[in-house]
């Protein structure tokens, strides 16, 4: 089509899930906190953020589905870290999604003449 291909429906669904995971102030606080530590347990994160462990677990599940965090189990402890590669991949997809396309630029030019 143009220099940037349109995203497929599965990619758009993943994209939506990624950004829905960010659609909460609590989850944004979690991401912000995780950006400053290499890894942390759920209990330590719950204490640091100031929310209950069950509520935190629910938010972490949303962030995992959005591919924003990674979980690693060691015995009974679960360690979480920010998935920087996942974040970067979705930011590249956003760039692709909003990239100007020749057809769109042509239409913009036609509309500006009206």
PDB file of N, CA and C in Angstrom:
ATOM      1  N   UNK A   1       0.833  -1.190   0.000  1.00  0.00           N
ATOM      2  CA  UNK A   1       0.000   0.000   0.000  1.00  0.00           C
ATOM      3  C   UNK A   1       0.867   1.239   0.000  1.00  0.00           C
ATOM      4  N   UNK A   2       1.523   1.559   1.102  1.00  0.00           N
ATOM      5  CA  UNK A   2       2.431   2.693   1.172  1.00  0.00           C
ATOM      6  C   UNK A   2       3.714   2.234   1.783  1.00  0.00           C
ATOM      7  N   UNK A   3       4.469   3.173   2.312  1.00  0.00           N
ATOM      8  CA  UNK A   3       5.734   2.806   2.929  1.00  0.00           C
ATOM      9  C   UNK A   3       5.523   2.082   4.258  1.00  0.00           C
ATOM     10  N   UNK A   4       4.387   2.281   4.902  1.00  0.00           N
ATOM     11  CA  UNK A   4       4.081   1.618   6.172  1.00  0.00           C
ATOM     12  C   UNK A   4       2.840   0.761   6.009  1.00  0.00           C
ATOM     13  N   UNK A   5       2.957  -0.557   6.180  1.00  0.00           N
ATOM     14  CA  UNK A   5       1.779  -1.415   6.027  1.00  0.00           C
ATOM     15  C   UNK A   5       0.802  -1.207   7.175  1.00  0.00           C
ATOM     16  N   UNK A   6      -0.464  -1.455   6.883  1.00  0.00           N
ATOM     17  CA  UNK A   6      -1.478  -1.385   7.931  1.00  0.00           C
ATOM     18  C   UNK A   6      -1.316  -2.578   8.858  1.00  0.00           C
ATOM     19  N   UNK A   7      -1.638  -2.385  10.133  1.00  0.00           N
ATOM     20  CA  UNK A   7      -1.542  -3.471  11.101  1.00  0.00           C
ATOM     21  C   UNK A   7      -2.695  -4.447  10.888  1.00  0.00           C
ATOM     22  N   UNK A   8      -2.446  -5.719  11.121  1.00  0.00           N
ATOM     23  CA  UNK A   8      -3.490  -6.732  10.986  1.00  0.00           C
ATOM     24  C   UNK A   8      -4.414  -6.682  12.201  1.00  0.00           C
ATOM     25  N   UNK A   9      -5.592  -7.289  12.074  1.00  0.00           N
ATOM     26  CA  UNK A   9      -6.542  -7.299  13.183  1.00  0.00           C
ATOM     27  C   UNK A   9      -5.976  -7.924  14.454  1.00  0.00           C
ATOM     28  N   UNK A  10      -5.243  -9.070  14.372  1.00  0.00           N
ATOM     29  CA  UNK A  10      -4.653  -9.595  15.621  1.00  0.00           C
ATOM     30  C   UNK A  10      -3.689  -8.605  16.256  1.00  0.00           C
ATOM     31  N   UNK A  11      -2.893  -7.924  15.448  1.00  0.00           N
ATOM     32  CA  UNK A  11      -1.971  -6.925  15.990  1.00  0.00           C
ATOM     33  C   UNK A  11      -2.740  -5.779  16.640  1.00  0.00           C
ATOM     34  N   UNK A  12      -3.823  -5.369  16.015  1.00  0.00           N
ATOM     35  CA  UNK A  12      -4.626  -4.291  16.585  1.00  0.00           C
ATOM     36  C   UNK A  12      -5.249  -4.714  17.908  1.00  0.00           C
ATOM     37  N   UNK A  13      -5.667  -5.976  18.021  1.00  0.00           N
ATOM     38  CA  UNK A  13      -6.229  -6.472  19.286  1.00  0.00           C
ATOM     39  C   UNK A  13      -5.161  -6.475  20.370  1.00  0.00           C
ATOM     40  N   UNK A  14      -3.957  -6.935  20.039  1.00  0.00           N
ATOM     41  CA  UNK A  14      -2.854  -6.912  21.006  1.00  0.00           C
ATOM     42  C   UNK A  14      -2.536  -5.479  21.402  1.00  0.00           C
ATOM     43  N   UNK A  15      -2.532  -4.608  20.427  1.00  0.00           N
ATOM     44  CA  UNK A  15      -2.270  -3.189  20.642  1.00  0.00           C
ATOM     45  C   UNK A  15      -3.286  -2.600  21.617  1.00  0.00           C
ATOM     46  N   UNK A  16      -4.557  -2.929  21.386  1.00  0.00           N
ATOM     47  CA  UNK A  16      -5.626  -2.452  22.269  1.00  0.00           C
ATOM     48  C   UNK A  16      -5.415  -2.974  23.687  1.00  0.00           C
ATOM     49  N   UNK A  17      -5.092  -4.261  23.827  1.00  0.00           N
ATOM     50  CA  UNK A  17      -4.848  -4.847  25.146  1.00  0.00           C
ATOM     51  C   UNK A  17      -3.685  -4.187  25.858  1.00  0.00           C
ATOM     52  N   UNK A  18      -2.661  -3.863  25.100  1.00  0.00           N
ATOM     53  CA  UNK A  18      -1.490  -3.195  25.672  1.00  0.00           C
ATOM     54  C   UNK A  18      -1.883  -1.843  26.264  1.00  0.00           C
ATOM     55  N   UNK A  19      -2.592  -1.056  25.493  1.00  0.00           N
ATOM     56  CA  UNK A  19      -2.938   0.280  25.969  1.00  0.00           C
ATOM     57  C   UNK A  19      -4.089   0.266  26.975  1.00  0.00           C
ATOM     58  N   UNK A  20      -4.949  -0.741  26.928  1.00  0.00           N
ATOM     59  CA  UNK A  20      -5.965  -0.865  27.983  1.00  0.00           C
ATOM     60  C   UNK A  20      -5.293  -1.165  29.312  1.00  0.00           C
ATOM     61  N   UNK A  21      -4.194  -1.912  29.261  1.00  0.00           N
ATOM     62  CA  UNK A  21      -3.459  -2.212  30.492  1.00  0.00           C
ATOM     63  C   UNK A  21      -2.902  -0.936  31.116  1.00  0.00           C
ATOM     64  N   UNK A  22      -2.677   0.077  30.313  1.00  0.00           N
ATOM     65  CA  UNK A  22      -2.161   1.350  30.820  1.00  0.00           C
ATOM     66  C   UNK A  22      -3.270   2.324  31.207  1.00  0.00           C
ATOM     67  N   UNK A  23      -4.522   1.926  31.037  1.00  0.00           N
ATOM     68  CA  UNK A  23      -5.659   2.828  31.249  1.00  0.00           C
ATOM     69  C   UNK A  23      -6.111   2.864  32.705  1.00  0.00           C
ATOM     70  N   UNK A  24      -5.172   2.836  33.614  1.00  0.00           N
ATOM     71  CA  UNK A  24      -5.489   2.898  35.034  1.00  0.00           C
ATOM     72  C   UNK A  24      -4.352   3.626  35.740  1.00  0.00           C
ATOM     73  N   UNK A  25      -4.697   4.559  36.590  1.00  0.00           N
ATOM     74  CA  UNK A  25      -3.680   5.293  37.343  1.00  0.00           C
ATOM     75  C   UNK A  25      -2.883   4.328  38.223  1.00  0.00           C
ATOM     76  N   UNK A  26      -3.553   3.358  38.818  1.00  0.00           N
ATOM     77  CA  UNK A  26      -2.855   2.375  39.659  1.00  0.00           C
ATOM     78  C   UNK A  26      -1.841   1.592  38.839  1.00  0.00           C
ATOM     79  N   UNK A  27      -2.247   1.141  37.660  1.00  0.00           N
ATOM     80  CA  UNK A  27      -1.314   0.373  36.826  1.00  0.00           C
ATOM     81  C   UNK A  27      -0.176   1.249  36.321  1.00  0.00           C
ATOM     82  N   UNK A  28      -0.447   2.505  36.032  1.00  0.00           N
ATOM     83  CA  UNK A  28       0.625   3.420  35.646  1.00  0.00           C
ATOM     84  C   UNK A  28       1.611   3.616  36.802  1.00  0.00           C
ATOM     85  N   UNK A  29       1.096   3.689  38.028  1.00  0.00           N
ATOM     86  CA  UNK A  29       1.978   3.787  39.206  1.00  0.00           C
ATOM     87  C   UNK A  29       2.836   2.540  39.338  1.00  0.00           C
ATOM     88  N   UNK A  30       2.256   1.375  39.079  1.00  0.00           N
ATOM     89  CA  UNK A  30       3.000   0.116  39.151  1.00  0.00           C
ATOM     90  C   UNK A  30       4.119   0.118  38.106  1.00  0.00           C
ATOM     91  N   UNK A  31       3.790   0.492  36.878  1.00  0.00           N
ATOM     92  CA  UNK A  31       4.787   0.547  35.805  1.00  0.00           C
ATOM     93  C   UNK A  31       5.888   1.540  36.163  1.00  0.00           C
ATOM     94  N   UNK A  32       5.494   2.687  36.676  1.00  0.00           N
ATOM     95  CA  UNK A  32       6.469   3.705  37.070  1.00  0.00           C
ATOM     96  C   UNK A  32       7.403   3.167  38.152  1.00  0.00           C
ATOM     97  N   UNK A  33       6.860   2.461  39.127  1.00  0.00           N
ATOM     98  CA  UNK A  33       7.683   1.901  40.192  1.00  0.00           C
ATOM     99  C   UNK A  33       8.617   0.821  39.645  1.00  0.00           C
ATOM    100  N   UNK A  34       8.074  -0.074  38.812  1.00  0.00           N
ATOM    101  CA  UNK A  34       8.879  -1.155  38.251  1.00  0.00           C
ATOM    102  C   UNK A  34      10.012  -0.628  37.365  1.00  0.00           C
ATOM    103  N   UNK A  35       9.831   0.543  36.780  1.00  0.00           N
ATOM    104  CA  UNK A  35      10.883   1.135  35.942  1.00  0.00           C
ATOM    105  C   UNK A  35      12.135   1.447  36.756  1.00  0.00           C
ATOM    106  N   UNK A  36      11.986   1.610  38.069  1.00  0.00           N
ATOM    107  CA  UNK A  36      13.110   1.974  38.911  1.00  0.00           C
ATOM    108  C   UNK A  36      13.781   0.828  39.642  1.00  0.00           C
ATOM    109  N   UNK A  37      13.270  -0.393  39.463  1.00  0.00           N
ATOM    110  CA  UNK A  37      13.862  -1.553  40.144  1.00  0.00           C
ATOM    111  C   UNK A  37      14.065  -2.672  39.128  1.00  0.00           C
ATOM    112  N   UNK A  38      15.102  -3.485  39.314  1.00  0.00           N
ATOM    113  CA  UNK A  38      15.299  -4.585  38.366  1.00  0.00           C
ATOM    114  C   UNK A  38      14.219  -5.659  38.498  1.00  0.00           C
ATOM    115  N   UNK A  39      13.798  -5.940  39.747  1.00  0.00           N
ATOM    116  CA  UNK A  39      12.821  -7.002  40.009  1.00  0.00           C
ATOM    117  C   UNK A  39      12.338  -6.849  41.446  1.00  0.00           C
ATOM    118  N   UNK A  40      11.082  -7.255  41.691  1.00  0.00           N
ATOM    119  CA  UNK A  40      10.516  -7.109  43.034  1.00  0.00           C
ATOM    120  C   UNK A  40       9.436  -8.169  43.231  1.00  0.00           C
ATOM    121  N   UNK A  41       9.270  -8.630  44.472  1.00  0.00           N
ATOM    122  CA  UNK A  41       8.210  -9.599  44.749  1.00  0.00           C
ATOM    123  C   UNK A  41       6.869  -8.879  44.839  1.00  0.00           C
ATOM    124  N   UNK A  42       5.807  -9.652  44.696  1.00  0.00           N
ATOM    125  CA  UNK A  42       4.462  -9.090  44.787  1.00  0.00           C
ATOM    126  C   UNK A  42       4.243  -8.445  46.150  1.00  0.00           C
ATOM    127  N   UNK A  43       4.671  -9.116  47.214  1.00  0.00           N
ATOM    128  CA  UNK A  43       4.473  -8.569  48.560  1.00  0.00           C
ATOM    129  C   UNK A  43       5.237  -7.267  48.756  1.00  0.00           C
ATOM    130  N   UNK A  44       6.473  -7.218  48.287  1.00  0.00           N
ATOM    131  CA  UNK A  44       7.259  -5.980  48.395  1.00  0.00           C
ATOM    132  C   UNK A  44       6.628  -4.863  47.568  1.00  0.00           C
ATOM    133  N   UNK A  45       6.137  -5.207  46.386  1.00  0.00           N
ATOM    134  CA  UNK A  45       5.494  -4.208  45.528  1.00  0.00           C
ATOM    135  C   UNK A  45       4.198  -3.703  46.147  1.00  0.00           C
ATOM    136  N   UNK A  46       3.425  -4.596  46.748  1.00  0.00           N
ATOM    137  CA  UNK A  46       2.174  -4.194  47.409  1.00  0.00           C
ATOM    138  C   UNK A  46       2.472  -3.199  48.529  1.00  0.00           C
ATOM    139  N   UNK A  47       3.506  -3.472  49.315  1.00  0.00           N
ATOM    140  CA  UNK A  47       3.889  -2.546  50.380  1.00  0.00           C
ATOM    141  C   UNK A  47       4.362  -1.213  49.809  1.00  0.00           C
ATOM    142  N   UNK A  48       5.170  -1.260  48.748  1.00  0.00           N
ATOM    143  CA  UNK A  48       5.714  -0.037  48.160  1.00  0.00           C
ATOM    144  C   UNK A  48       4.624   0.834  47.539  1.00  0.00           C
ATOM    145  N   UNK A  49       3.665   0.215  46.868  1.00  0.00           N
ATOM    146  CA  UNK A  49       2.583   0.951  46.205  1.00  0.00           C
ATOM    147  C   UNK A  49       1.487   1.341  47.194  1.00  0.00           C
ATOM    148  N   UNK A  50       1.357   0.548  48.239  1.00  0.00           N
ATOM    149  CA  UNK A  50       0.338   0.848  49.244  1.00  0.00           C
ATOM    150  C   UNK A  50      -1.037   0.315  48.913  1.00  0.00           C
ATOM    151  N   UNK A  51      -1.096  -0.854  48.264  1.00  0.00           N
ATOM    152  CA  UNK A  51      -2.390  -1.489  47.994  1.00  0.00           C
ATOM    153  C   UNK A  51      -2.320  -2.940  48.449  1.00  0.00           C
ATOM    154  N   UNK A  52      -3.479  -3.555  48.584  1.00  0.00           N
ATOM    155  CA  UNK A  52      -3.526  -4.940  49.053  1.00  0.00           C
ATOM    156  C   UNK A  52      -2.948  -5.884  47.998  1.00  0.00           C
ATOM    157  N   UNK A  53      -2.463  -7.022  48.461  1.00  0.00           N
ATOM    158  CA  UNK A  53      -1.872  -8.006  47.554  1.00  0.00           C
ATOM    159  C   UNK A  53      -2.895  -8.537  46.546  1.00  0.00           C
ATOM    160  N   UNK A  54      -4.145  -8.855  46.950  1.00  0.00           N
ATOM    161  CA  UNK A  54      -5.119  -9.320  45.945  1.00  0.00           C
ATOM    162  C   UNK A  54      -5.418  -8.267  44.869  1.00  0.00           C
ATOM    163  N   UNK A  55      -5.550  -7.016  45.283  1.00  0.00           N
ATOM    164  CA  UNK A  55      -5.809  -5.944  44.308  1.00  0.00           C
ATOM    165  C   UNK A  55      -4.609  -5.769  43.381  1.00  0.00           C
ATOM    166  N   UNK A  56      -3.395  -5.815  43.946  1.00  0.00           N
ATOM    167  CA  UNK A  56      -2.187  -5.701  43.141  1.00  0.00           C
ATOM    168  C   UNK A  56      -2.101  -6.850  42.142  1.00  0.00           C
ATOM    169  N   UNK A  57      -2.408  -8.061  42.577  1.00  0.00           N
ATOM    170  CA  UNK A  57      -2.359  -9.223  41.696  1.00  0.00           C
ATOM    171  C   UNK A  57      -3.293  -9.055  40.499  1.00  0.00           C
ATOM    172  N   UNK A  58      -4.472  -8.477  40.734  1.00  0.00           N
ATOM    173  CA  UNK A  58      -5.417  -8.228  39.646  1.00  0.00           C
ATOM    174  C   UNK A  58      -4.814  -7.248  38.637  1.00  0.00           C
ATOM    175  N   UNK A  59      -4.225  -6.168  39.133  1.00  0.00           N
ATOM    176  CA  UNK A  59      -3.610  -5.178  38.247  1.00  0.00           C
ATOM    177  C   UNK A  59      -2.413  -5.779  37.510  1.00  0.00           C
ATOM    178  N   UNK A  60      -1.621  -6.590  38.192  1.00  0.00           N
ATOM    179  CA  UNK A  60      -0.474  -7.232  37.547  1.00  0.00           C
ATOM    180  C   UNK A  60      -0.918  -8.190  36.443  1.00  0.00           C
ATOM    181  N   UNK A  61      -2.036  -8.860  36.648  1.00  0.00           N
ATOM    182  CA  UNK A  61      -2.582  -9.739  35.603  1.00  0.00           C
ATOM    183  C   UNK A  61      -2.913  -8.926  34.349  1.00  0.00           C
ATOM    184  N   UNK A  62      -3.510  -7.750  34.530  1.00  0.00           N
ATOM    185  CA  UNK A  62      -3.822  -6.878  33.390  1.00  0.00           C
ATOM    186  C   UNK A  62      -2.538  -6.435  32.687  1.00  0.00           C
ATOM    187  N   UNK A  63      -1.525  -6.115  33.467  1.00  0.00           N
ATOM    188  CA  UNK A  63      -0.250  -5.689  32.889  1.00  0.00           C
ATOM    189  C   UNK A  63       0.455  -6.842  32.171  1.00  0.00           C
ATOM    190  N   UNK A  64       0.322  -8.055  32.695  1.00  0.00           N
ATOM    191  CA  UNK A  64       0.892  -9.226  32.005  1.00  0.00           C
ATOM    192  C   UNK A  64       0.181  -9.446  30.672  1.00  0.00           C
ATOM    193  N   UNK A  65      -1.138  -9.364  30.684  1.00  0.00           N
ATOM    194  CA  UNK A  65      -1.909  -9.535  29.442  1.00  0.00           C
ATOM    195  C   UNK A  65      -1.513  -8.481  28.408  1.00  0.00           C
ATOM    196  N   UNK A  66      -1.201  -7.296  28.871  1.00  0.00           N
ATOM    197  CA  UNK A  66      -0.769  -6.221  27.982  1.00  0.00           C
ATOM    198  C   UNK A  66       0.706  -6.299  27.630  1.00  0.00           C
ATOM    199  N   UNK A  67       1.374  -7.348  28.094  1.00  0.00           N
ATOM    200  CA  UNK A  67       2.790  -7.591  27.829  1.00  0.00           C
ATOM    201  C   UNK A  67       3.693  -6.464  28.336  1.00  0.00           C
ATOM    202  N   UNK A  68       3.295  -5.871  29.449  1.00  0.00           N
ATOM    203  CA  UNK A  68       4.066  -4.775  30.033  1.00  0.00           C
ATOM    204  C   UNK A  68       4.987  -5.222  31.153  1.00  0.00           C
ATOM    205  N   UNK A  69       4.668  -6.355  31.776  1.00  0.00           N
ATOM    206  CA  UNK A  69       5.495  -6.857  32.877  1.00  0.00           C
ATOM    207  C   UNK A  69       5.782  -8.337  32.658  1.00  0.00           C
ATOM    208  N   UNK A  70       6.836  -8.790  33.339  1.00  0.00           N
ATOM    209  CA  UNK A  70       7.197 -10.209  33.328  1.00  0.00           C
ATOM    210  C   UNK A  70       7.091 -10.742  34.738  1.00  0.00           C
ATOM    211  N   UNK A  71       6.682 -11.984  34.847  1.00  0.00           N
ATOM    212  CA  UNK A  71       6.597 -12.659  36.137  1.00  0.00           C
ATOM    213  C   UNK A  71       7.562 -13.834  36.137  1.00  0.00           C
ATOM    214  N   UNK A  72       8.203 -14.040  37.290  1.00  0.00           N
ATOM    215  CA  UNK A  72       9.119 -15.168  37.455  1.00  0.00           C
ATOM    216  C   UNK A  72       8.873 -15.755  38.834  1.00  0.00           C
ATOM    217  N   UNK A  73       8.562 -17.057  38.861  1.00  0.00           N
ATOM    218  CA  UNK A  73       8.262 -17.730  40.124  1.00  0.00           C
ATOM    219  C   UNK A  73       9.512 -18.421  40.650  1.00  0.00           C
ATOM    220  N   UNK A  74       9.773 -18.199  41.951  1.00  0.00           N
ATOM    221  CA  UNK A  74      10.851 -18.892  42.655  1.00  0.00           C
ATOM    222  C   UNK A  74      10.232 -19.434  43.935  1.00  0.00           C
ATOM    223  N   UNK A  75       9.963 -20.731  43.940  1.00  0.00           N
ATOM    224  CA  UNK A  75       9.256 -21.314  45.079  1.00  0.00           C
ATOM    225  C   UNK A  75       7.861 -20.725  45.166  1.00  0.00           C
ATOM    226  N   UNK A  76       7.554 -20.139  46.317  1.00  0.00           N
ATOM    227  CA  UNK A  76       6.230 -19.511  46.493  1.00  0.00           C
ATOM    228  C   UNK A  76       6.226 -18.045  46.128  1.00  0.00           C
ATOM    229  N   UNK A  77       7.403 -17.454  45.971  1.00  0.00           N
ATOM    230  CA  UNK A  77       7.498 -16.026  45.651  1.00  0.00           C
ATOM    231  C   UNK A  77       7.391 -15.808  44.146  1.00  0.00           C
ATOM    232  N   UNK A  78       6.696 -14.744  43.770  1.00  0.00           N
ATOM    233  CA  UNK A  78       6.605 -14.349  42.366  1.00  0.00           C
ATOM    234  C   UNK A  78       7.280 -12.989  42.237  1.00  0.00           C
ATOM    235  N   UNK A  79       8.249 -12.917  41.340  1.00  0.00           N
ATOM    236  CA  UNK A  79       8.998 -11.684  41.099  1.00  0.00           C
ATOM    237  C   UNK A  79       8.495 -11.038  39.815  1.00  0.00           C
ATOM    238  N   UNK A  80       8.335  -9.727  39.856  1.00  0.00           N
ATOM    239  CA  UNK A  80       7.878  -8.983  38.688  1.00  0.00           C
ATOM    240  C   UNK A  80       8.939  -7.993  38.255  1.00  0.00           C
ATOM    241  N   UNK A  81       8.985  -7.792  36.938  1.00  0.00           N
ATOM    242  CA  UNK A  81       9.873  -6.791  36.362  1.00  0.00           C
ATOM    243  C   UNK A  81       9.182  -6.174  35.151  1.00  0.00           C
ATOM    244  N   UNK A  82       9.634  -5.001  34.796  1.00  0.00           N
ATOM    245  CA  UNK A  82       9.092  -4.304  33.637  1.00  0.00           C
ATOM    246  C   UNK A  82       9.577  -5.004  32.369  1.00  0.00           C
ATOM    247  N   UNK A  83       8.691  -5.222  31.423  1.00  0.00           N
ATOM    248  CA  UNK A  83       9.039  -5.838  30.138  1.00  0.00           C
ATOM    249  C   UNK A  83       9.381  -4.715  29.155  1.00  0.00           C
ATOM    250  N   UNK A  84      10.595  -4.243  29.233  1.00  0.00           N
ATOM    251  CA  UNK A  84      11.019  -3.120  28.387  1.00  0.00           C
ATOM    252  C   UNK A  84      10.965  -3.470  26.897  1.00  0.00           C
ATOM    253  N   UNK A  85      11.299  -4.712  26.561  1.00  0.00           N
ATOM    254  CA  UNK A  85      11.240  -5.128  25.155  1.00  0.00           C
ATOM    255  C   UNK A  85       9.803  -5.068  24.637  1.00  0.00           C
ATOM    256  N   UNK A  86       8.861  -5.506  25.462  1.00  0.00           N
ATOM    257  CA  UNK A  86       7.452  -5.435  25.076  1.00  0.00           C
ATOM    258  C   UNK A  86       6.986  -4.002  24.898  1.00  0.00           C
ATOM    259  N   UNK A  87       7.394  -3.137  25.814  1.00  0.00           N
ATOM    260  CA  UNK A  87       7.048  -1.723  25.697  1.00  0.00           C
ATOM    261  C   UNK A  87       7.605  -1.131  24.410  1.00  0.00           C
ATOM    262  N   UNK A  88       8.862  -1.405  24.133  1.00  0.00           N
ATOM    263  CA  UNK A  88       9.486  -0.870  22.923  1.00  0.00           C
ATOM    264  C   UNK A  88       8.814  -1.394  21.665  1.00  0.00           C
ATOM    265  N   UNK A  89       8.428  -2.667  21.657  1.00  0.00           N
ATOM    266  CA  UNK A  89       7.748  -3.234  20.492  1.00  0.00           C
ATOM    267  C   UNK A  89       6.414  -2.537  20.240  1.00  0.00           C
ATOM    268  N   UNK A  90       5.669  -2.274  21.293  1.00  0.00           N
ATOM    269  CA  UNK A  90       4.380  -1.603  21.105  1.00  0.00           C
ATOM    270  C   UNK A  90       4.558  -0.146  20.714  1.00  0.00           C
ATOM    271  N   UNK A  91       5.600   0.483  21.177  1.00  0.00           N
ATOM    272  CA  UNK A  91       5.854   1.864  20.757  1.00  0.00           C
ATOM    273  C   UNK A  91       6.225   1.910  19.272  1.00  0.00           C
ATOM    274  N   UNK A  92       6.975   0.912  18.801  1.00  0.00           N
ATOM    275  CA  UNK A  92       7.272   0.842  17.366  1.00  0.00           C
ATOM    276  C   UNK A  92       5.982   0.623  16.577  1.00  0.00           C
ATOM    277  N   UNK A  93       5.082  -0.219  17.101  1.00  0.00           N
ATOM    278  CA  UNK A  93       3.798  -0.442  16.417  1.00  0.00           C
ATOM    279  C   UNK A  93       2.965   0.833  16.386  1.00  0.00           C
ATOM    280  N   UNK A  94       3.015   1.615  17.470  1.00  0.00           N
ATOM    281  CA  UNK A  94       2.296   2.890  17.486  1.00  0.00           C
ATOM    282  C   UNK A  94       2.845   3.803  16.401  1.00  0.00           C
ATOM    283  N   UNK A  95       4.149   3.834  16.252  1.00  0.00           N
ATOM    284  CA  UNK A  95       4.776   4.640  15.208  1.00  0.00           C
ATOM    285  C   UNK A  95       4.283   4.204  13.835  1.00  0.00           C
ATOM    286  N   UNK A  96       4.176   2.886  13.627  1.00  0.00           N
ATOM    287  CA  UNK A  96       3.666   2.356  12.362  1.00  0.00           C
ATOM    288  C   UNK A  96       2.199   2.742  12.176  1.00  0.00           C
ATOM    289  N   UNK A  97       1.426   2.637  13.247  1.00  0.00           N
ATOM    290  CA  UNK A  97      -0.005   2.925  13.175  1.00  0.00           C
ATOM    291  C   UNK A  97      -0.275   4.372  12.775  1.00  0.00           C
ATOM    292  N   UNK A  98       0.522   5.287  13.286  1.00  0.00           N
ATOM    293  CA  UNK A  98       0.252   6.719  13.042  1.00  0.00           C
ATOM    294  C   UNK A  98       1.142   7.326  11.972  1.00  0.00           C
ATOM    295  N   UNK A  99       1.958   6.500  11.315  1.00  0.00           N
ATOM    296  CA  UNK A  99       2.853   7.013  10.274  1.00  0.00           C
ATOM    297  C   UNK A  99       2.044   7.577   9.113  1.00  0.00           C
ATOM    298  N   UNK A 100       2.461   8.717   8.572  1.00  0.00           N
ATOM    299  CA  UNK A 100       1.769   9.261   7.394  1.00  0.00           C
ATOM    300  C   UNK A 100       1.890   8.295   6.224  1.00  0.00           C
ATOM    301  N   UNK A 101       0.841   8.199   5.462  1.00  0.00           N
ATOM    302  CA  UNK A 101       0.825   7.348   4.280  1.00  0.00           C
ATOM    303  C   UNK A 101       0.594   8.230   3.060  1.00  0.00           C
ATOM    304  N   UNK A 102       1.134   7.861   1.916  1.00  0.00           N
ATOM    305  CA  UNK A 102       0.987   8.700   0.723  1.00  0.00           C
ATOM    306  C   UNK A 102      -0.465   9.021   0.405  1.00  0.00           C
ATOM    307  N   UNK A 103      -1.348   8.056   0.501  1.00  0.00           N
ATOM    308  CA  UNK A 103      -2.765   8.285   0.177  1.00  0.00           C
ATOM    309  C   UNK A 103      -3.369   9.305   1.133  1.00  0.00           C
ATOM    310  N   UNK A 104      -3.044   9.206   2.401  1.00  0.00           N
ATOM    311  CA  UNK A 104      -3.581  10.135   3.396  1.00  0.00           C
ATOM    312  C   UNK A 104      -3.063  11.537   3.118  1.00  0.00           C
ATOM    313  N   UNK A 105      -1.778  11.658   2.796  1.00  0.00           N
ATOM    314  CA  UNK A 105      -1.218  12.983   2.500  1.00  0.00           C
ATOM    315  C   UNK A 105      -1.892  13.594   1.276  1.00  0.00           C
ATOM    316  N   UNK A 106      -2.184  12.763   0.272  1.00  0.00           N
ATOM    317  CA  UNK A 106      -2.856  13.266  -0.926  1.00  0.00           C
ATOM    318  C   UNK A 106      -4.244  13.775  -0.577  1.00  0.00           C
ATOM    319  N   UNK A 107      -4.969  13.032   0.258  1.00  0.00           N
ATOM    320  CA  UNK A 107      -6.305  13.476   0.674  1.00  0.00           C
ATOM    321  C   UNK A 107      -6.228  14.767   1.480  1.00  0.00           C
ATOM    322  N   UNK A 108      -5.234  14.880   2.357  1.00  0.00           N
ATOM    323  CA  UNK A 108      -5.080  16.101   3.146  1.00  0.00           C
ATOM    324  C   UNK A 108      -4.851  17.288   2.226  1.00  0.00           C
ATOM    325  N   UNK A 109      -4.065  17.097   1.191  1.00  0.00           N
ATOM    326  CA  UNK A 109      -3.787  18.167   0.240  1.00  0.00           C
ATOM    327  C   UNK A 109      -5.081  18.568  -0.481  1.00  0.00           C
ATOM    328  N   UNK A 110      -5.864  17.563  -0.916  1.00  0.00           N
ATOM    329  CA  UNK A 110      -7.129  17.842  -1.593  1.00  0.00           C
ATOM    330  C   UNK A 110      -8.062  18.602  -0.661  1.00  0.00           C
ATOM    331  N   UNK A 111      -8.125  18.213   0.618  1.00  0.00           N
ATOM    332  CA  UNK A 111      -9.034  18.878   1.556  1.00  0.00           C
ATOM    333  C   UNK A 111      -8.596  20.292   1.859  1.00  0.00           C
ATOM    334  N   UNK A 112      -7.295  20.541   1.857  1.00  0.00           N
ATOM    335  CA  UNK A 112      -6.822  21.885   2.161  1.00  0.00           C
ATOM    336  C   UNK A 112      -7.166  22.871   1.035  1.00  0.00           C
ATOM    337  N   UNK A 113      -7.405  22.329  -0.183  1.00  0.00           N
ATOM    338  CA  UNK A 113      -7.748  23.198  -1.290  1.00  0.00           C
ATOM    339  C   UNK A 113      -9.227  23.560  -1.309  1.00  0.00           C
ATOM    340  N   UNK A 114     -10.024  22.904  -0.485  1.00  0.00           N
ATOM    341  CA  UNK A 114     -11.478  23.135  -0.475  1.00  0.00           C
ATOM    342  C   UNK A 114     -11.798  24.392   0.290  1.00  0.00           C
TER     343      UNK A 114
END
